[in-house]
Amino acid sequence: MADEITETSQTVAAGQLRAFIERIERLEEEKKTISDDIKDVYAEAKGTGFDTKAIRTIIRLRKKDQAERQEEETILDLYKAALGME
């Protein structure tokens, strides 16, 4: 009886593991598709004459709140001034 319970537990655990792995694989495939779509949009923007490096910087900055952006800009300005870059 105990062996049956252990075997059933292992079967259930293996089934759960398989389900997790299959979900992760599907999500990884979706992530790849989305990544390819993003690359296509950057290529389209570049083809239209936009600077993709600047676009990437803007996107990175928009992810931050205003206070975080201001702090980063203040530190950057301080470092540039210390190096005589302004």
N, C-alpha and C. Protein backbone atom coordinates (compact mmCIF):
# COMPACT_ATOMS: atom_id res chain seq x y z
N MET A 1 0.82 -1.19 0.00
CA MET A 1 0.00 0.00 0.00
C MET A 1 0.87 1.26 0.00
N ALA A 2 1.90 1.28 0.86
CA ALA A 2 2.79 2.44 0.93
C ALA A 2 3.53 2.64 -0.38
N ASP A 3 3.92 1.53 -1.03
CA ASP A 3 4.61 1.62 -2.31
C ASP A 3 3.70 2.23 -3.37
N GLU A 4 2.41 1.89 -3.32
CA GLU A 4 1.45 2.44 -4.27
C GLU A 4 1.33 3.95 -4.12
N ILE A 5 1.29 4.40 -2.87
CA ILE A 5 1.17 5.84 -2.59
C ILE A 5 2.42 6.56 -3.08
N THR A 6 3.59 6.00 -2.81
CA THR A 6 4.84 6.60 -3.25
C THR A 6 4.89 6.66 -4.77
N GLU A 7 4.50 5.58 -5.42
CA GLU A 7 4.51 5.53 -6.89
C GLU A 7 3.54 6.56 -7.46
N THR A 8 2.37 6.69 -6.86
CA THR A 8 1.38 7.67 -7.31
C THR A 8 1.92 9.08 -7.12
N SER A 9 2.57 9.33 -5.98
CA SER A 9 3.15 10.64 -5.72
C SER A 9 4.21 11.00 -6.76
N GLN A 10 5.04 10.03 -7.10
CA GLN A 10 6.08 10.27 -8.10
C GLN A 10 5.47 10.53 -9.46
N THR A 11 4.39 9.81 -9.79
CA THR A 11 3.72 10.00 -11.07
C THR A 11 3.11 11.40 -11.14
N VAL A 12 2.47 11.82 -10.03
CA VAL A 12 1.89 13.17 -9.97
C VAL A 12 2.99 14.21 -10.07
N ALA A 13 4.08 14.04 -9.34
CA ALA A 13 5.19 14.99 -9.38
C ALA A 13 5.79 15.07 -10.78
N ALA A 14 5.93 13.93 -11.42
CA ALA A 14 6.48 13.92 -12.78
C ALA A 14 5.52 14.64 -13.74
N GLY A 15 4.24 14.44 -13.53
CA GLY A 15 3.24 15.11 -14.37
C GLY A 15 3.28 16.62 -14.17
N GLN A 16 3.41 17.05 -12.91
CA GLN A 16 3.51 18.49 -12.63
C GLN A 16 4.77 19.08 -13.24
N LEU A 17 5.86 18.36 -13.09
CA LEU A 17 7.13 18.82 -13.65
C LEU A 17 7.03 18.98 -15.16
N ARG A 18 6.46 17.98 -15.82
CA ARG A 18 6.28 18.02 -17.28
C ARG A 18 5.43 19.23 -17.66
N ALA A 19 4.35 19.48 -16.91
CA ALA A 19 3.47 20.61 -17.20
C ALA A 19 4.22 21.93 -17.06
N PHE A 20 5.02 22.07 -15.99
CA PHE A 20 5.81 23.29 -15.81
C PHE A 20 6.78 23.49 -16.97
N ILE A 21 7.47 22.43 -17.33
CA ILE A 21 8.45 22.52 -18.42
C ILE A 21 7.78 22.91 -19.73
N GLU A 22 6.64 22.29 -20.02
CA GLU A 22 5.94 22.60 -21.26
C GLU A 22 5.42 24.04 -21.27
N ARG A 23 4.96 24.54 -20.12
CA ARG A 23 4.53 25.94 -20.04
C ARG A 23 5.69 26.88 -20.28
N ILE A 24 6.84 26.58 -19.66
CA ILE A 24 8.02 27.41 -19.84
C ILE A 24 8.46 27.40 -21.30
N GLU A 25 8.43 26.24 -21.92
CA GLU A 25 8.82 26.15 -23.34
C GLU A 25 7.90 26.99 -24.22
N ARG A 26 6.59 26.95 -23.94
CA ARG A 26 5.65 27.77 -24.73
C ARG A 26 5.93 29.25 -24.52
N LEU A 27 6.17 29.64 -23.27
CA LEU A 27 6.46 31.05 -22.98
C LEU A 27 7.77 31.50 -23.62
N GLU A 28 8.77 30.63 -23.61
CA GLU A 28 10.05 30.96 -24.27
C GLU A 28 9.83 31.19 -25.76
N GLU A 29 8.98 30.38 -26.38
CA GLU A 29 8.69 30.55 -27.81
C GLU A 29 7.96 31.88 -28.04
N GLU A 30 7.01 32.20 -27.16
CA GLU A 30 6.31 33.49 -27.27
C GLU A 30 7.28 34.64 -27.09
N LYS A 31 8.22 34.49 -26.14
CA LYS A 31 9.21 35.53 -25.88
C LYS A 31 10.07 35.76 -27.13
N LYS A 32 10.45 34.67 -27.79
CA LYS A 32 11.26 34.78 -29.00
C LYS A 32 10.48 35.50 -30.09
N THR A 33 9.21 35.15 -30.24
CA THR A 33 8.37 35.80 -31.25
C THR A 33 8.25 37.29 -30.97
N ILE A 34 8.02 37.64 -29.71
CA ILE A 34 7.90 39.05 -29.35
C ILE A 34 9.23 39.77 -29.57
N SER A 35 10.33 39.13 -29.21
CA SER A 35 11.65 39.72 -29.43
C SER A 35 11.89 39.99 -30.92
N ASP A 36 11.51 39.03 -31.76
CA ASP A 36 11.64 39.22 -33.21
C ASP A 36 10.77 40.38 -33.69
N ASP A 37 9.56 40.49 -33.13
CA ASP A 37 8.67 41.59 -33.51
C ASP A 37 9.28 42.93 -33.13
N ILE A 38 9.89 43.01 -31.95
CA ILE A 38 10.52 44.25 -31.50
C ILE A 38 11.68 44.62 -32.43
N LYS A 39 12.48 43.62 -32.81
CA LYS A 39 13.58 43.88 -33.75
C LYS A 39 13.05 44.43 -35.07
N ASP A 40 11.92 43.88 -35.53
CA ASP A 40 11.31 44.35 -36.78
C ASP A 40 10.88 45.82 -36.66
N VAL A 41 10.33 46.20 -35.51
CA VAL A 41 9.90 47.59 -35.32
C VAL A 41 11.11 48.52 -35.31
N TYR A 42 12.19 48.10 -34.64
CA TYR A 42 13.42 48.92 -34.65
C TYR A 42 13.95 49.06 -36.08
N ALA A 43 13.93 47.98 -36.84
CA ALA A 43 14.40 48.03 -38.23
C ALA A 43 13.52 48.97 -39.06
N GLU A 44 12.24 48.93 -38.82
CA GLU A 44 11.31 49.82 -39.53
C GLU A 44 11.59 51.28 -39.17
N ALA A 45 11.80 51.54 -37.88
CA ALA A 45 12.11 52.91 -37.43
C ALA A 45 13.42 53.39 -38.06
N LYS A 46 14.41 52.51 -38.09
CA LYS A 46 15.70 52.86 -38.68
C LYS A 46 15.53 53.15 -40.17
N GLY A 47 14.73 52.32 -40.85
CA GLY A 47 14.49 52.52 -42.27
C GLY A 47 13.78 53.83 -42.57
N THR A 48 13.06 54.33 -41.59
CA THR A 48 12.36 55.60 -41.74
C THR A 48 13.26 56.78 -41.43
N GLY A 49 14.46 56.48 -40.88
CA GLY A 49 15.44 57.54 -40.62
C GLY A 49 15.62 57.88 -39.15
N PHE A 50 14.96 57.14 -38.26
CA PHE A 50 15.12 57.41 -36.83
C PHE A 50 16.38 56.73 -36.30
N ASP A 51 16.97 57.33 -35.27
CA ASP A 51 18.15 56.79 -34.62
C ASP A 51 17.70 55.76 -33.57
N THR A 52 17.98 54.50 -33.82
CA THR A 52 17.48 53.45 -32.93
C THR A 52 18.17 53.47 -31.57
N LYS A 53 19.40 53.94 -31.51
CA LYS A 53 20.09 54.05 -30.22
C LYS A 53 19.36 55.06 -29.33
N ALA A 54 18.95 56.17 -29.92
CA ALA A 54 18.20 57.19 -29.18
C ALA A 54 16.83 56.64 -28.75
N ILE A 55 16.19 55.88 -29.62
CA ILE A 55 14.89 55.28 -29.29
C ILE A 55 15.04 54.33 -28.11
N ARG A 56 16.09 53.51 -28.14
CA ARG A 56 16.33 52.57 -27.02
C ARG A 56 16.55 53.33 -25.71
N THR A 57 17.28 54.45 -25.79
CA THR A 57 17.52 55.25 -24.59
C THR A 57 16.22 55.83 -24.06
N ILE A 58 15.38 56.35 -24.94
CA ILE A 58 14.09 56.90 -24.54
C ILE A 58 13.23 55.83 -23.88
N ILE A 59 13.20 54.64 -24.46
CA ILE A 59 12.40 53.55 -23.89
C ILE A 59 12.92 53.19 -22.50
N ARG A 60 14.25 53.13 -22.36
CA ARG A 60 14.83 52.83 -21.05
C ARG A 60 14.46 53.89 -20.04
N LEU A 61 14.51 55.16 -20.45
CA LEU A 61 14.19 56.27 -19.55
C LEU A 61 12.70 56.27 -19.17
N ARG A 62 11.84 55.92 -20.11
CA ARG A 62 10.40 55.93 -19.83
C ARG A 62 9.99 54.84 -18.84
N LYS A 63 10.84 53.84 -18.67
CA LYS A 63 10.55 52.79 -17.70
C LYS A 63 10.76 53.27 -16.27
N LYS A 64 11.51 54.36 -16.11
CA LYS A 64 11.84 54.89 -14.78
C LYS A 64 10.85 56.00 -14.42
N ASP A 65 10.66 56.20 -13.13
CA ASP A 65 9.81 57.33 -12.73
C ASP A 65 10.64 58.62 -12.82
N GLN A 66 9.93 59.75 -12.74
CA GLN A 66 10.59 61.05 -12.95
C GLN A 66 11.70 61.30 -11.95
N ALA A 67 11.50 60.96 -10.69
CA ALA A 67 12.53 61.20 -9.67
C ALA A 67 13.78 60.40 -9.96
N GLU A 68 13.61 59.17 -10.38
CA GLU A 68 14.76 58.32 -10.70
C GLU A 68 15.51 58.88 -11.90
N ARG A 69 14.77 59.35 -12.92
CA ARG A 69 15.41 59.95 -14.10
C ARG A 69 16.19 61.21 -13.71
N GLN A 70 15.58 62.06 -12.88
CA GLN A 70 16.24 63.30 -12.47
C GLN A 70 17.51 63.01 -11.68
N GLU A 71 17.44 62.03 -10.79
CA GLU A 71 18.63 61.66 -10.02
C GLU A 71 19.74 61.17 -10.94
N GLU A 72 19.39 60.33 -11.90
CA GLU A 72 20.38 59.81 -12.85
C GLU A 72 20.98 60.94 -13.67
N GLU A 73 20.15 61.88 -14.13
CA GLU A 73 20.65 63.00 -14.92
C GLU A 73 21.54 63.92 -14.10
N THR A 74 21.19 64.13 -12.83
CA THR A 74 22.00 64.97 -11.94
C THR A 74 23.39 64.36 -11.74
N ILE A 75 23.42 63.07 -11.48
CA ILE A 75 24.71 62.38 -11.28
C ILE A 75 25.52 62.42 -12.57
N LEU A 76 24.86 62.17 -13.69
CA LEU A 76 25.56 62.20 -14.98
C LEU A 76 26.14 63.59 -15.25
N ASP A 77 25.35 64.64 -14.98
CA ASP A 77 25.84 66.01 -15.17
C ASP A 77 27.03 66.30 -14.26
N LEU A 78 26.95 65.83 -13.01
CA LEU A 78 28.05 66.02 -12.06
C LEU A 78 29.33 65.35 -12.57
N TYR A 79 29.21 64.11 -13.03
CA TYR A 79 30.37 63.37 -13.54
C TYR A 79 30.94 64.03 -14.79
N LYS A 80 30.05 64.49 -15.69
CA LYS A 80 30.52 65.15 -16.90
C LYS A 80 31.26 66.44 -16.56
N ALA A 81 30.73 67.20 -15.60
CA ALA A 81 31.39 68.44 -15.19
C ALA A 81 32.76 68.14 -14.57
N ALA A 82 32.83 67.08 -13.77
CA ALA A 82 34.10 66.71 -13.14
C ALA A 82 35.14 66.32 -14.18
N LEU A 83 34.69 65.82 -15.31
CA LEU A 83 35.62 65.42 -16.38
C LEU A 83 35.80 66.50 -17.44
N GLY A 84 35.20 67.67 -17.20
CA GLY A 84 35.34 68.78 -18.14
C GLY A 84 34.63 68.55 -19.46
N MET A 85 33.56 67.82 -19.43
CA MET A 85 32.83 67.49 -20.66
C MET A 85 31.71 68.47 -20.96
N GLU A 86 31.52 69.46 -20.11
CA GLU A 86 30.43 70.44 -20.37
C GLU A 86 30.97 71.77 -20.71
